Amino acid sequence: MSSLEAKKEFVWKHEQQFAYTLAANVLDKPKATVWMILIPIILVYHMYRHKKYVEGRRMFAENYSKTPQNLLDKVYLAIKKGADVDFDDVIRHSGLSKDVYKPYRQWLAVLAAHYEDLLHADGDNMETLIRSAYKNRSAYLLFLNQLKTVEKKYYAALTPLLAKEDPAVGKTVAKIERQSEFIRREFAEKTFP
């Protein structure tokens, strides 16, 4: 059986991988064309765009996984101390508008319960932790649907605030929702064959 610290690391690595996969699926990767061979300046421009894409993907993944990392740390410490997770502290340090506190807290609660289940489970990697915590694909898919529901409410509250700065944010959020569901269901099928 893995230690609490090792299980925390399995969960964190999984969250990072999810964020990078999501970033790769959400951001548009510049495509190479035959013209790049014929006109070298187009290749230089493509390389510049590709570098920006790689940097954007890294930044997306880092920003996307800040809350999960912070929350996982809080759950880990709460388990070690035998205390409850301080959601108010996470919310205070989020920098979010008070308009989104309620759906944000609901999302945090679902995610924290998931982390707690995983940290209490037996396993030597993320797949075995999930199989131990959820027992079967149906139970895990039920959790994923619950997570999708609270994320959708959180994004719905957040989108109007972000749309003030970028009107295209709605399309991006919709793409994040679709891709998140796809990636998670694919992982569920892999975990529970």
C-alpha atoms as a PDB file:
ATOM      1  CA  MET A   1       0.000   0.000   0.000  1.00  0.00           C
ATOM      2  CA  SER A   2       1.266   3.437  -0.915  1.00  0.00           C
ATOM      3  CA  SER A   3       1.805   6.170   1.647  1.00  0.00           C
ATOM      4  CA  LEU A   4      -0.491   9.189   1.848  1.00  0.00           C
ATOM      5  CA  GLU A   5       2.274  11.299   0.281  1.00  0.00           C
ATOM      6  CA  ALA A   6       2.701   8.864  -2.614  1.00  0.00           C
ATOM      7  CA  LYS A   7      -1.049   8.802  -3.261  1.00  0.00           C
ATOM      8  CA  LYS A   8      -1.114  12.604  -3.238  1.00  0.00           C
ATOM      9  CA  GLU A   9       1.661  12.549  -5.846  1.00  0.00           C
ATOM     10  CA  PHE A  10      -0.278  10.067  -8.044  1.00  0.00           C
ATOM     11  CA  VAL A  11      -3.331  12.326  -7.916  1.00  0.00           C
ATOM     12  CA  TRP A  12      -1.295  15.464  -8.626  1.00  0.00           C
ATOM     13  CA  LYS A  13       0.492  13.889 -11.605  1.00  0.00           C
ATOM     14  CA  HIS A  14      -2.887  12.817 -12.980  1.00  0.00           C
ATOM     15  CA  GLU A  15      -4.282  16.346 -12.581  1.00  0.00           C
ATOM     16  CA  GLN A  16      -1.246  17.804 -14.360  1.00  0.00           C
ATOM     17  CA  GLN A  17      -1.563  15.306 -17.205  1.00  0.00           C
ATOM     18  CA  PHE A  18      -5.263  16.081 -17.512  1.00  0.00           C
ATOM     19  CA  ALA A  19      -4.544  19.826 -17.681  1.00  0.00           C
ATOM     20  CA  TYR A  20      -1.887  19.386 -20.396  1.00  0.00           C
ATOM     21  CA  THR A  21      -4.101  17.060 -22.417  1.00  0.00           C
ATOM     22  CA  LEU A  22      -6.997  19.477 -22.085  1.00  0.00           C
ATOM     23  CA  ALA A  23      -4.783  22.370 -23.177  1.00  0.00           C
ATOM     24  CA  ALA A  24      -3.632  20.424 -26.233  1.00  0.00           C
ATOM     25  CA  ASN A  25      -7.255  19.633 -27.136  1.00  0.00           C
ATOM     26  CA  VAL A  26      -8.592  23.148 -26.545  1.00  0.00           C
ATOM     27  CA  LEU A  27      -5.888  25.315 -28.091  1.00  0.00           C
ATOM     28  CA  ASP A  28      -5.542  25.296 -31.862  1.00  0.00           C
ATOM     29  CA  LYS A  29      -2.184  23.928 -32.931  1.00  0.00           C
ATOM     30  CA  PRO A  30      -0.685  25.612 -35.996  1.00  0.00           C
ATOM     31  CA  LYS A  31      -0.668  23.265 -38.963  1.00  0.00           C
ATOM     32  CA  ALA A  32       2.274  22.715 -41.266  1.00  0.00           C
ATOM     33  CA  THR A  33       1.723  23.122 -45.002  1.00  0.00           C
ATOM     34  CA  VAL A  34       3.616  22.238 -48.158  1.00  0.00           C
ATOM     35  CA  TRP A  35       4.254  25.966 -48.691  1.00  0.00           C
ATOM     36  CA  MET A  36       6.687  25.915 -45.786  1.00  0.00           C
ATOM     37  CA  ILE A  37       9.081  23.828 -47.833  1.00  0.00           C
ATOM     38  CA  LEU A  38       8.754  26.066 -50.871  1.00  0.00           C
ATOM     39  CA  ILE A  39       8.861  29.421 -49.085  1.00  0.00           C
ATOM     40  CA  PRO A  40      11.219  29.376 -46.083  1.00  0.00           C
ATOM     41  CA  ILE A  41       9.849  32.587 -44.534  1.00  0.00           C
ATOM     42  CA  ILE A  42       6.516  30.779 -44.019  1.00  0.00           C
ATOM     43  CA  LEU A  43       8.408  28.069 -42.121  1.00  0.00           C
ATOM     44  CA  VAL A  44       9.938  30.732 -39.852  1.00  0.00           C
ATOM     45  CA  TYR A  45       6.483  32.173 -39.205  1.00  0.00           C
ATOM     46  CA  HIS A  46       5.116  28.673 -38.504  1.00  0.00           C
ATOM     47  CA  MET A  47       7.921  28.012 -36.027  1.00  0.00           C
ATOM     48  CA  TYR A  48       7.106  31.288 -34.271  1.00  0.00           C
ATOM     49  CA  ARG A  49       3.407  30.362 -34.062  1.00  0.00           C
ATOM     50  CA  HIS A  50       4.276  26.863 -32.848  1.00  0.00           C
ATOM     51  CA  LYS A  51       6.485  28.297 -30.104  1.00  0.00           C
ATOM     52  CA  LYS A  52       3.597  30.555 -29.005  1.00  0.00           C
ATOM     53  CA  TYR A  53       1.269  27.537 -29.038  1.00  0.00           C
ATOM     54  CA  VAL A  54       3.632  25.500 -26.836  1.00  0.00           C
ATOM     55  CA  GLU A  55       3.981  28.399 -24.395  1.00  0.00           C
ATOM     56  CA  GLY A  56       0.211  28.961 -24.411  1.00  0.00           C
ATOM     57  CA  ARG A  57      -0.418  25.286 -23.723  1.00  0.00           C
ATOM     58  CA  ARG A  58       1.993  25.354 -20.784  1.00  0.00           C
ATOM     59  CA  MET A  59       0.400  28.501 -19.351  1.00  0.00           C
ATOM     60  CA  PHE A  60      -3.118  27.104 -19.828  1.00  0.00           C
ATOM     61  CA  ALA A  61      -2.196  23.881 -18.026  1.00  0.00           C
ATOM     62  CA  GLU A  62      -0.466  25.692 -15.174  1.00  0.00           C
ATOM     63  CA  ASN A  63      -3.345  28.105 -14.630  1.00  0.00           C
ATOM     64  CA  TYR A  64      -5.993  25.394 -15.029  1.00  0.00           C
ATOM     65  CA  SER A  65      -4.338  23.212 -12.395  1.00  0.00           C
ATOM     66  CA  LYS A  66      -3.713  25.914  -9.753  1.00  0.00           C
ATOM     67  CA  THR A  67      -6.987  25.350  -7.921  1.00  0.00           C
ATOM     68  CA  PRO A  68      -6.774  21.532  -8.042  1.00  0.00           C
ATOM     69  CA  GLN A  69      -3.225  21.710  -6.690  1.00  0.00           C
ATOM     70  CA  ASN A  70      -4.184  24.097  -3.899  1.00  0.00           C
ATOM     71  CA  LEU A  71      -7.264  22.034  -3.046  1.00  0.00           C
ATOM     72  CA  LEU A  72      -5.344  18.742  -3.102  1.00  0.00           C
ATOM     73  CA  ASP A  73      -2.816  20.264  -0.680  1.00  0.00           C
ATOM     74  CA  LYS A  74      -5.667  21.386   1.609  1.00  0.00           C
ATOM     75  CA  VAL A  75      -7.313  17.936   1.523  1.00  0.00           C
ATOM     76  CA  TYR A  76      -3.976  16.248   2.220  1.00  0.00           C
ATOM     77  CA  LEU A  77      -3.309  18.500   5.224  1.00  0.00           C
ATOM     78  CA  ALA A  78      -6.861  18.081   6.508  1.00  0.00           C
ATOM     79  CA  ILE A  79      -6.492  14.284   6.407  1.00  0.00           C
ATOM     80  CA  LYS A  80      -3.158  14.464   8.217  1.00  0.00           C
ATOM     81  CA  LYS A  81      -4.621  16.740  10.911  1.00  0.00           C
ATOM     82  CA  GLY A  82      -7.960  14.944  11.095  1.00  0.00           C
ATOM     83  CA  ALA A  83      -9.740  18.217  10.278  1.00  0.00           C
ATOM     84  CA  ASP A  84     -12.145  19.538   7.653  1.00  0.00           C
ATOM     85  CA  VAL A  85     -10.998  21.262   4.472  1.00  0.00           C
ATOM     86  CA  ASP A  86     -11.100  25.057   4.794  1.00  0.00           C
ATOM     87  CA  PHE A  87     -12.970  25.975   1.605  1.00  0.00           C
ATOM     88  CA  ASP A  88     -13.237  29.596   2.706  1.00  0.00           C
ATOM     89  CA  ASP A  89      -9.442  29.922   2.640  1.00  0.00           C
ATOM     90  CA  VAL A  90      -9.314  28.508  -0.903  1.00  0.00           C
ATOM     91  CA  ILE A  91     -12.093  30.871  -1.984  1.00  0.00           C
ATOM     92  CA  ARG A  92     -10.446  33.910  -0.353  1.00  0.00           C
ATOM     93  CA  HIS A  93      -7.188  33.244  -2.198  1.00  0.00           C
ATOM     94  CA  SER A  94      -8.858  32.539  -5.534  1.00  0.00           C
ATOM     95  CA  GLY A  95      -9.124  36.180  -6.601  1.00  0.00           C
ATOM     96  CA  LEU A  96     -12.630  35.460  -7.925  1.00  0.00           C
ATOM     97  CA  SER A  97     -15.592  37.805  -7.822  1.00  0.00           C
ATOM     98  CA  LYS A  98     -18.160  37.154  -5.093  1.00  0.00           C
ATOM     99  CA  ASP A  99     -20.659  36.451  -7.890  1.00  0.00           C
ATOM    100  CA  VAL A 100     -19.071  33.044  -8.456  1.00  0.00           C
ATOM    101  CA  TYR A 101     -18.376  32.007  -4.846  1.00  0.00           C
ATOM    102  CA  LYS A 102     -21.369  29.662  -4.527  1.00  0.00           C
ATOM    103  CA  PRO A 103     -20.784  27.605  -7.709  1.00  0.00           C
ATOM    104  CA  TYR A 104     -17.025  27.696  -7.056  1.00  0.00           C
ATOM    105  CA  ARG A 105     -17.570  26.305  -3.553  1.00  0.00           C
ATOM    106  CA  GLN A 106     -19.832  23.546  -4.944  1.00  0.00           C
ATOM    107  CA  TRP A 107     -17.134  22.590  -7.444  1.00  0.00           C
ATOM    108  CA  LEU A 108     -14.509  22.612  -4.678  1.00  0.00           C
ATOM    109  CA  ALA A 109     -16.671  20.394  -2.472  1.00  0.00           C
ATOM    110  CA  VAL A 110     -17.136  17.739  -5.184  1.00  0.00           C
ATOM    111  CA  LEU A 111     -13.464  17.791  -6.110  1.00  0.00           C
ATOM    112  CA  ALA A 112     -12.341  17.708  -2.452  1.00  0.00           C
ATOM    113  CA  ALA A 113     -14.559  14.688  -1.736  1.00  0.00           C
ATOM    114  CA  HIS A 114     -13.007  12.954  -4.755  1.00  0.00           C
ATOM    115  CA  TYR A 115      -9.482  13.737  -3.558  1.00  0.00           C
ATOM    116  CA  GLU A 116     -10.331  12.547  -0.069  1.00  0.00           C
ATOM    117  CA  ASP A 117     -11.712   9.266  -1.447  1.00  0.00           C
ATOM    118  CA  LEU A 118      -8.561   8.759  -3.514  1.00  0.00           C
ATOM    119  CA  LEU A 119      -6.214   9.556  -0.622  1.00  0.00           C
ATOM    120  CA  HIS A 120      -8.064   7.029   1.566  1.00  0.00           C
ATOM    121  CA  ALA A 121      -8.049   4.355  -1.170  1.00  0.00           C
ATOM    122  CA  ASP A 122      -5.471   1.620  -1.686  1.00  0.00           C
ATOM    123  CA  GLY A 123      -3.344   1.681  -4.805  1.00  0.00           C
ATOM    124  CA  ASP A 124       0.032   2.119  -6.419  1.00  0.00           C
ATOM    125  CA  ASN A 125      -1.050   4.461  -9.247  1.00  0.00           C
ATOM    126  CA  MET A 126      -4.009   6.604 -10.227  1.00  0.00           C
ATOM    127  CA  GLU A 127      -5.912   3.784 -11.908  1.00  0.00           C
ATOM    128  CA  THR A 128      -5.726   1.487  -8.875  1.00  0.00           C
ATOM    129  CA  LEU A 129      -6.670   4.346  -6.539  1.00  0.00           C
ATOM    130  CA  ILE A 130      -9.766   5.032  -8.636  1.00  0.00           C
ATOM    131  CA  ARG A 131     -10.692   1.348  -8.839  1.00  0.00           C
ATOM    132  CA  SER A 132     -10.294   1.076  -5.059  1.00  0.00           C
ATOM    133  CA  ALA A 133     -12.301   4.249  -4.341  1.00  0.00           C
ATOM    134  CA  TYR A 134     -15.124   3.743  -6.859  1.00  0.00           C
ATOM    135  CA  LYS A 135     -15.227  -0.065  -7.249  1.00  0.00           C
ATOM    136  CA  ASN A 136     -16.790  -0.008 -10.749  1.00  0.00           C
ATOM    137  CA  ARG A 137     -17.152   2.097 -13.870  1.00  0.00           C
ATOM    138  CA  SER A 138     -20.748   3.080 -13.099  1.00  0.00           C
ATOM    139  CA  ALA A 139     -19.820   4.597  -9.734  1.00  0.00           C
ATOM    140  CA  TYR A 140     -16.879   6.441 -11.281  1.00  0.00           C
ATOM    141  CA  LEU A 141     -19.028   7.729 -14.165  1.00  0.00           C
ATOM    142  CA  LEU A 142     -21.591   8.903 -11.614  1.00  0.00           C
ATOM    143  CA  PHE A 143     -18.846  10.968  -9.950  1.00  0.00           C
ATOM    144  CA  LEU A 144     -17.730  12.315 -13.346  1.00  0.00           C
ATOM    145  CA  ASN A 145     -21.294  13.399 -14.136  1.00  0.00           C
ATOM    146  CA  GLN A 146     -21.534  15.137 -10.771  1.00  0.00           C
ATOM    147  CA  LEU A 147     -18.208  16.879 -11.458  1.00  0.00           C
ATOM    148  CA  LYS A 148     -19.389  17.910 -14.927  1.00  0.00           C
ATOM    149  CA  THR A 149     -22.587  19.372 -13.462  1.00  0.00           C
ATOM    150  CA  VAL A 150     -20.839  21.535 -10.863  1.00  0.00           C
ATOM    151  CA  GLU A 151     -18.156  22.589 -13.351  1.00  0.00           C
ATOM    152  CA  LYS A 152     -20.858  23.646 -15.804  1.00  0.00           C
ATOM    153  CA  LYS A 153     -22.518  25.806 -13.116  1.00  0.00           C
ATOM    154  CA  TYR A 154     -19.163  27.310 -12.153  1.00  0.00           C
ATOM    155  CA  TYR A 155     -18.265  28.069 -15.776  1.00  0.00           C
ATOM    156  CA  ALA A 156     -21.749  29.507 -16.383  1.00  0.00           C
ATOM    157  CA  ALA A 157     -21.226  31.946 -13.502  1.00  0.00           C
ATOM    158  CA  LEU A 158     -17.693  32.778 -14.613  1.00  0.00           C
ATOM    159  CA  THR A 159     -18.328  33.214 -18.352  1.00  0.00           C
ATOM    160  CA  PRO A 160     -20.221  36.547 -18.221  1.00  0.00           C
ATOM    161  CA  LEU A 161     -17.429  38.061 -16.140  1.00  0.00           C
ATOM    162  CA  LEU A 162     -14.748  36.853 -18.552  1.00  0.00           C
ATOM    163  CA  ALA A 163     -16.797  37.823 -21.616  1.00  0.00           C
ATOM    164  CA  LYS A 164     -16.315  41.485 -20.673  1.00  0.00           C
ATOM    165  CA  GLU A 165     -12.629  41.072 -21.535  1.00  0.00           C
ATOM    166  CA  ASP A 166     -12.961  38.534 -24.369  1.00  0.00           C
ATOM    167  CA  PRO A 167     -16.279  38.001 -26.175  1.00  0.00           C
ATOM    168  CA  ALA A 168     -15.076  34.643 -27.555  1.00  0.00           C
ATOM    169  CA  VAL A 169     -14.727  33.147 -24.077  1.00  0.00           C
ATOM    170  CA  GLY A 170     -18.064  31.321 -24.418  1.00  0.00           C
ATOM    171  CA  LYS A 171     -16.747  29.223 -27.305  1.00  0.00           C
ATOM    172  CA  THR A 172     -13.592  28.411 -25.361  1.00  0.00           C
ATOM    173  CA  VAL A 173     -15.556  27.396 -22.269  1.00  0.00           C
ATOM    174  CA  ALA A 174     -17.817  25.169 -24.364  1.00  0.00           C
ATOM    175  CA  LYS A 175     -14.745  23.528 -25.876  1.00  0.00           C
ATOM    176  CA  ILE A 176     -13.218  23.033 -22.414  1.00  0.00           C
ATOM    177  CA  GLU A 177     -16.437  21.369 -21.229  1.00  0.00           C
ATOM    178  CA  ARG A 178     -16.617  19.033 -24.257  1.00  0.00           C
ATOM    179  CA  GLN A 179     -12.952  18.097 -24.133  1.00  0.00           C
ATOM    180  CA  SER A 180     -12.971  17.593 -20.347  1.00  0.00           C
ATOM    181  CA  GLU A 181     -15.826  15.138 -20.647  1.00  0.00           C
ATOM    182  CA  PHE A 182     -14.142  13.313 -23.538  1.00  0.00           C
ATOM    183  CA  ILE A 183     -10.776  12.993 -21.731  1.00  0.00           C
ATOM    184  CA  ARG A 184     -12.381  11.860 -18.484  1.00  0.00           C
ATOM    185  CA  ARG A 185     -14.617   9.266 -20.135  1.00  0.00           C
ATOM    186  CA  GLU A 186     -11.670   7.930 -22.105  1.00  0.00           C
ATOM    187  CA  PHE A 187      -9.721   7.572 -18.842  1.00  0.00           C
ATOM    188  CA  ALA A 188     -12.717   5.856 -17.196  1.00  0.00           C
ATOM    189  CA  GLU A 189     -12.822   3.285 -20.015  1.00  0.00           C
ATOM    190  CA  LYS A 190      -9.099   2.688 -19.641  1.00  0.00           C
ATOM    191  CA  THR A 191      -9.380   2.382 -15.846  1.00  0.00           C
ATOM    192  CA  PHE A 192     -12.432   0.099 -15.893  1.00  0.00           C
ATOM    193  CA  PRO A 193     -12.015  -2.007 -19.073  1.00  0.00           C
END
